C-alpha cells in the first residue's frame, strides 16, 4: 500500500501563489523480511539557478500516498540581483601602510637632520 507514492516540489511566493517545480512517482521494492518496518529514504532535489529576484519564496517538498499526504516545513530562499559580494580591503590596507611608512621615514629623516645641527 505504501510502496508507491509521488513526490512534489513546489514554492510559494510572497503573494501566496503556489508554483510546481518538479513531480515524480516512486515505487519502492521492499525486500523479503523487511515488511512492516519503518523506513526513511532521502530524496534530493536541486534548484538551479535562480534567475530572477522573483524566485524568492518558501520551497516545499510534499509526499502523497493513496490516503496520506505529508508536507515538509519548507526552506525560505532569498534571491538577490548581485548575490553575495566579498568585501576586499586589500588596496586600502596597502595604501594606508605605505602612507604610514612614508610619514615615519620623513619624520625620522627630519629628526636626524635636526639632531645633527
Protein backbone atom coordinates (compact mmCIF):
# COMPACT_ATOMS: atom_id res chain seq x y z
CA UNK A 1 0.00 0.00 0.00
CA UNK A 2 2.81 2.46 0.86
CA UNK A 3 5.39 1.36 -1.70
CA UNK A 4 4.02 3.60 -4.44
CA UNK A 5 3.93 7.35 -3.83
CA UNK A 6 4.52 10.68 -5.52
CA UNK A 7 6.94 13.44 -4.60
CA UNK A 8 6.13 17.05 -5.46
CA UNK A 9 8.46 20.04 -5.13
CA UNK A 10 6.90 23.50 -5.24
CA UNK A 11 7.34 27.03 -3.96
CA UNK A 12 5.06 29.71 -2.62
CA UNK A 13 5.98 33.31 -3.43
CA UNK A 14 5.32 36.47 -1.43
CA UNK A 15 1.81 36.71 -2.94
CA UNK A 16 0.96 33.19 -1.63
CA UNK A 17 0.92 31.78 -5.16
CA UNK A 18 1.89 28.11 -5.41
CA UNK A 19 4.13 27.12 -8.32
CA UNK A 20 5.00 23.48 -9.04
CA UNK A 21 8.68 22.85 -9.76
CA UNK A 22 9.03 19.10 -10.16
CA UNK A 23 6.92 15.94 -9.73
CA UNK A 24 7.87 12.31 -9.80
CA UNK A 25 6.36 8.97 -8.87
CA UNK A 26 8.31 6.40 -6.89
CA UNK A 27 7.82 2.69 -6.45
CA UNK A 28 9.94 1.17 -3.69
CA UNK A 29 10.53 -2.56 -3.65
CA UNK A 30 10.52 -3.98 -0.12
CA UNK A 31 12.99 -6.83 0.42
CA UNK A 32 11.70 -10.05 1.94
CA UNK A 33 11.71 -9.89 5.74
CA UNK A 34 11.60 -6.08 5.81
CA UNK A 35 7.83 -5.79 5.65
CA UNK A 36 6.01 -3.78 8.37
CA UNK A 37 9.13 -1.80 9.27
CA UNK A 38 9.51 1.95 9.15
CA UNK A 39 11.99 3.19 6.57
CA UNK A 40 13.34 6.64 5.83
CA UNK A 41 14.62 7.26 2.31
CA UNK A 42 16.34 10.50 1.22
CA UNK A 43 15.22 12.21 -1.99
CA UNK A 44 17.17 15.29 -3.03
CA UNK A 45 16.19 17.97 -5.50
CA UNK A 46 18.46 20.81 -6.52
CA UNK A 47 17.04 24.18 -7.54
CA UNK A 48 19.36 25.64 -10.19
CA UNK A 49 19.98 28.57 -10.92
CA UNK A 50 17.58 31.15 -9.56
CA UNK A 51 17.27 33.54 -12.49
CA UNK A 52 15.21 36.38 -11.04
CA UNK A 53 14.60 38.04 -7.71
CA UNK A 54 11.00 36.86 -8.18
CA UNK A 55 12.31 33.37 -7.29
CA UNK A 56 12.27 34.48 -3.65
CA UNK A 57 9.88 32.40 -1.57
CA UNK A 58 9.48 29.29 0.53
CA UNK A 59 10.23 25.98 -1.18
CA UNK A 60 8.44 22.80 -0.09
CA UNK A 61 8.52 19.07 -0.63
CA UNK A 62 5.30 17.08 -0.42
CA UNK A 63 4.78 13.30 -0.48
CA UNK A 64 1.44 11.70 -1.30
CA UNK A 65 0.33 8.14 -0.78
CA UNK A 66 -3.17 6.89 -1.56
CA UNK A 67 -4.79 8.29 1.57
CA UNK A 68 -1.94 10.19 3.26
CA UNK A 69 -0.26 13.48 2.42
CA UNK A 70 2.87 14.79 4.21
CA UNK A 71 4.49 18.18 3.67
CA UNK A 72 7.93 19.41 4.75
CA UNK A 73 8.47 22.54 6.84
CA UNK A 74 9.82 24.44 3.85
CA UNK A 75 13.02 26.36 3.17
CA UNK A 76 12.96 30.11 2.61
CA UNK A 77 15.19 31.28 -0.26
CA UNK A 78 16.03 34.93 -0.83
CA UNK A 79 17.17 35.60 -4.41
CA UNK A 80 19.06 38.87 -4.96
CA UNK A 81 20.33 40.59 -8.09
CA UNK A 82 24.00 40.84 -7.19
CA UNK A 83 24.30 37.94 -4.81
CA UNK A 84 26.94 37.92 -2.11
CA UNK A 85 29.93 40.12 -2.80
CA UNK A 86 33.01 39.61 -0.66
CA UNK A 87 34.34 42.92 0.65
CA UNK A 88 38.05 43.26 -0.02
CA UNK A 89 40.14 45.77 1.88
CA UNK A 90 43.45 44.81 0.21
CA UNK A 91 44.10 48.10 -1.59
CA UNK A 92 43.02 50.22 1.36
CA UNK A 93 45.40 48.40 3.70
CA UNK A 94 48.29 48.68 1.22
CA UNK A 95 47.80 52.45 0.71
CA UNK A 96 47.43 53.06 4.47
CA UNK A 97 50.59 51.10 5.24
CA UNK A 98 52.55 52.92 2.51
CA UNK A 99 51.45 56.36 3.76
CA UNK A 100 52.26 55.42 7.35
CA UNK A 101 55.76 54.18 6.44
CA UNK A 102 56.40 57.29 4.32
CA UNK A 103 55.36 59.57 7.20
CA UNK A 104 57.61 57.70 9.64
CA UNK A 105 60.52 57.86 7.20
CA UNK A 106 60.13 61.62 6.69
CA UNK A 107 59.86 62.18 10.45
CA UNK A 108 62.95 60.07 11.16
CA UNK A 109 64.95 61.90 8.48
CA UNK A 110 63.87 65.29 9.85
CA UNK A 111 64.85 64.26 13.41
CA UNK A 112 68.28 63.05 12.25
CA UNK A 113 68.93 66.31 10.38
CA UNK A 114 67.73 68.40 13.32
CA UNK A 115 69.89 66.48 15.82
CA UNK A 116 72.94 66.90 13.54
CA UNK A 117 72.74 70.68 13.85
